[in-house]
Every structure is written in structure tokens, then in C-alpha cells.
Amino acid sequence: QVQLVESGGGLVQAGGSLRLSCAASGRTFTTYAMGWFRQAPGKEREFVAAIRWSVGNPFYADSVKGRFTISRDIAKNTVYLQMNSLKPEDTALYYCGHKATYSSSTSLTREYNYWGQGTQVTVSS
């Protein structure tokens, strides 16, 4: 089992910044990748960013490239999402996910085994 706890969400004006954190505990030695996903009301959960744990290479959805940065602290078993130039369309519940198995993709929701409870990000116009 892996437990994930997100933090850092909140209310921010358009153009502002937030930094999300996700701390993992439990069987963290199984981590292949960690990802951030988001879900707006009435919409499906969508990929935002992911990072392969051992090598640290990041992946981003086109909608956030150049604005969001994913990083990780291996010693703390924590993944971060720095969000800059926020837009109202970034408003959603943001989830952290844990992926234990190798695959060529890091953006598929179904390949993530564990999820946090989510943290709300609201961007006002």
C-alpha cells in the first residue's frame, strides 16, 4: 500500500501562482512514477504532469507546458507541482497519483495504482 497526501491548494487570482505538494508513505520503494491529474466538475480526470521517479524526467500536458513545473524530492518521498500564470480554466480538484509499473506512457489514469484525496485549486478571473 502507498498513502498519498496532497497539500497547497487554494484560491488565487488569474496570473498568480500556487505550489502543490504530495507526500508519499508506505511501500514507496515501488514507485516508478508520480503524477498530477485534475478533475473539474462534470469532466473526466485529466493528466497534468508526471515525473519518472529514478531519473527525474518530466512530462506535461500541452495545456500546462511552460506554466507548470513538476519536481520531486526522493529523500522526502514528495512530488511538487509549481503552477505559474494560472488561468480560470486551471480550476479543478488536483490529485496526486502513484504508478508502480513501467510503461511508455505516464499520462494514463488507469495505470496509476494509488491516489490522494485531492486538493482544490480555484483561479478567479
Protein backbone atom coordinates (compact mmCIF):
# COMPACT_ATOMS: atom_id res chain seq x y z
CA GLN A 1 0.00 0.00 0.00
CA VAL A 2 1.03 3.58 -0.68
CA GLN A 3 -0.58 6.55 1.02
CA LEU A 4 -0.57 9.96 -0.67
CA VAL A 5 -1.38 13.28 0.97
CA GLU A 6 -1.71 16.42 -1.13
CA SER A 7 -1.48 19.99 0.12
CA GLY A 8 -1.05 23.50 -1.18
CA GLY A 9 -4.29 24.19 -3.00
CA GLY A 10 -6.27 27.38 -2.57
CA LEU A 11 -7.87 30.40 -4.17
CA VAL A 12 -5.72 32.60 -6.39
CA GLN A 13 -6.31 35.31 -8.96
CA ALA A 14 -5.59 34.72 -12.62
CA GLY A 15 -1.90 35.15 -13.30
CA GLY A 16 -0.96 34.03 -9.82
CA SER A 17 0.98 31.01 -8.59
CA LEU A 18 0.50 28.03 -6.31
CA ARG A 19 2.73 25.15 -5.31
CA LEU A 20 1.18 21.77 -4.65
CA SER A 21 2.89 19.05 -2.63
CA CYS A 22 2.20 15.34 -2.40
CA ALA A 23 3.88 13.28 0.30
CA ALA A 24 4.01 9.52 -0.15
CA SER A 25 4.35 6.92 2.59
CA GLY A 26 4.19 3.15 2.79
CA ARG A 27 5.67 1.00 0.00
CA THR A 28 7.36 3.92 -1.69
CA PHE A 29 10.19 1.72 -2.96
CA THR A 30 7.70 0.55 -5.61
CA THR A 31 7.47 4.00 -7.18
CA TYR A 32 8.07 4.11 -10.94
CA ALA A 33 6.43 7.49 -11.49
CA MET A 34 4.32 10.07 -9.72
CA GLY A 35 1.76 12.17 -11.49
CA TRP A 36 -0.62 15.07 -11.07
CA PHE A 37 -4.11 14.90 -12.52
CA ARG A 38 -7.07 17.24 -12.20
CA GLN A 39 -10.81 16.97 -12.40
CA ALA A 40 -13.21 19.84 -12.93
CA PRO A 41 -16.93 19.48 -12.14
CA GLY A 42 -18.70 17.46 -14.81
CA LYS A 43 -15.46 16.46 -16.52
CA GLU A 44 -13.24 13.42 -16.50
CA ARG A 45 -9.97 13.31 -14.61
CA GLU A 46 -7.21 14.54 -16.91
CA PHE A 47 -3.45 14.30 -16.94
CA VAL A 48 -1.46 17.37 -15.92
CA ALA A 49 2.14 16.28 -15.32
CA ALA A 50 4.24 13.29 -14.29
CA ILE A 51 7.80 12.51 -13.35
CA ARG A 52 9.69 9.24 -13.57
CA TRP A 53 10.99 8.74 -10.07
CA SER A 54 14.50 7.38 -10.56
CA VAL A 55 15.65 9.57 -13.46
CA GLY A 56 13.50 12.61 -12.82
CA ASN A 57 12.41 13.32 -16.38
CA PRO A 58 9.13 15.26 -16.52
CA PHE A 59 6.11 15.03 -18.80
CA TYR A 60 3.41 17.66 -19.26
CA ALA A 61 0.02 18.07 -20.80
CA ASP A 62 0.09 20.60 -23.63
CA SER A 63 -2.29 22.85 -21.70
CA VAL A 64 0.24 23.44 -18.91
CA LYS A 65 3.60 23.36 -20.72
CA GLY A 66 5.64 26.43 -19.95
CA ARG A 67 3.49 27.31 -16.93
CA PHE A 68 3.71 24.28 -14.61
CA THR A 69 6.82 22.51 -13.32
CA ILE A 70 6.87 19.09 -11.67
CA SER A 71 9.73 18.08 -9.40
CA ARG A 72 10.48 15.54 -6.71
CA ASP A 73 12.47 15.14 -3.52
CA ILE A 74 13.46 11.50 -3.26
CA ALA A 75 14.61 11.75 0.35
CA LYS A 76 11.22 13.14 1.38
CA ASN A 77 9.19 10.93 -0.98
CA THR A 78 7.46 14.09 -2.10
CA VAL A 79 6.42 15.36 -5.51
CA TYR A 80 5.69 19.01 -6.20
CA LEU A 81 3.76 20.93 -8.82
CA GLN A 82 4.71 24.57 -9.22
CA MET A 83 1.91 26.32 -11.05
CA ASN A 84 2.54 29.77 -12.53
CA SER A 85 0.47 32.05 -14.75
CA LEU A 86 -2.68 30.35 -13.54
CA LYS A 87 -5.85 30.67 -15.59
CA PRO A 88 -9.50 30.24 -14.61
CA GLU A 89 -9.58 27.06 -16.71
CA ASP A 90 -7.00 25.55 -14.34
CA THR A 91 -9.68 25.45 -11.64
CA ALA A 92 -10.15 21.84 -10.55
CA LEU A 93 -9.56 19.29 -7.85
CA TYR A 94 -5.93 18.23 -8.22
CA TYR A 95 -4.96 14.65 -7.44
CA CYS A 96 -1.59 13.05 -6.92
CA GLY A 97 -1.15 9.53 -8.29
CA HIS A 98 1.38 6.74 -7.76
CA LYS A 99 2.44 4.45 -10.59
CA ALA A 100 4.36 1.29 -9.78
CA THR A 101 4.86 -0.35 -13.14
CA TYR A 102 6.86 0.54 -16.21
CA SER A 103 5.13 1.62 -19.38
CA SER A 104 5.91 4.00 -22.20
CA SER A 105 3.21 6.39 -21.03
CA THR A 106 2.84 8.31 -17.80
CA SER A 107 -0.42 10.05 -18.69
CA LEU A 108 -2.98 7.25 -18.43
CA THR A 109 -5.17 7.41 -15.36
CA ARG A 110 -5.77 3.65 -15.38
CA GLU A 111 -2.06 2.93 -14.91
CA TYR A 112 -1.90 4.68 -11.54
CA ASN A 113 -2.43 2.43 -8.55
CA TYR A 114 -2.93 4.84 -5.67
CA TRP A 115 -4.44 8.31 -5.35
CA GLY A 116 -4.51 11.05 -2.79
CA GLN A 117 -7.68 12.72 -1.56
CA GLY A 118 -7.21 15.76 -3.78
CA THR A 119 -6.60 19.44 -3.16
CA GLN A 120 -8.80 22.17 -4.60
CA VAL A 121 -7.34 24.86 -6.85
CA THR A 122 -9.60 27.77 -7.72
CA VAL A 123 -8.47 30.53 -10.06
CA SER A 124 -10.61 33.65 -10.18
CA SER A 125 -10.76 35.91 -13.22
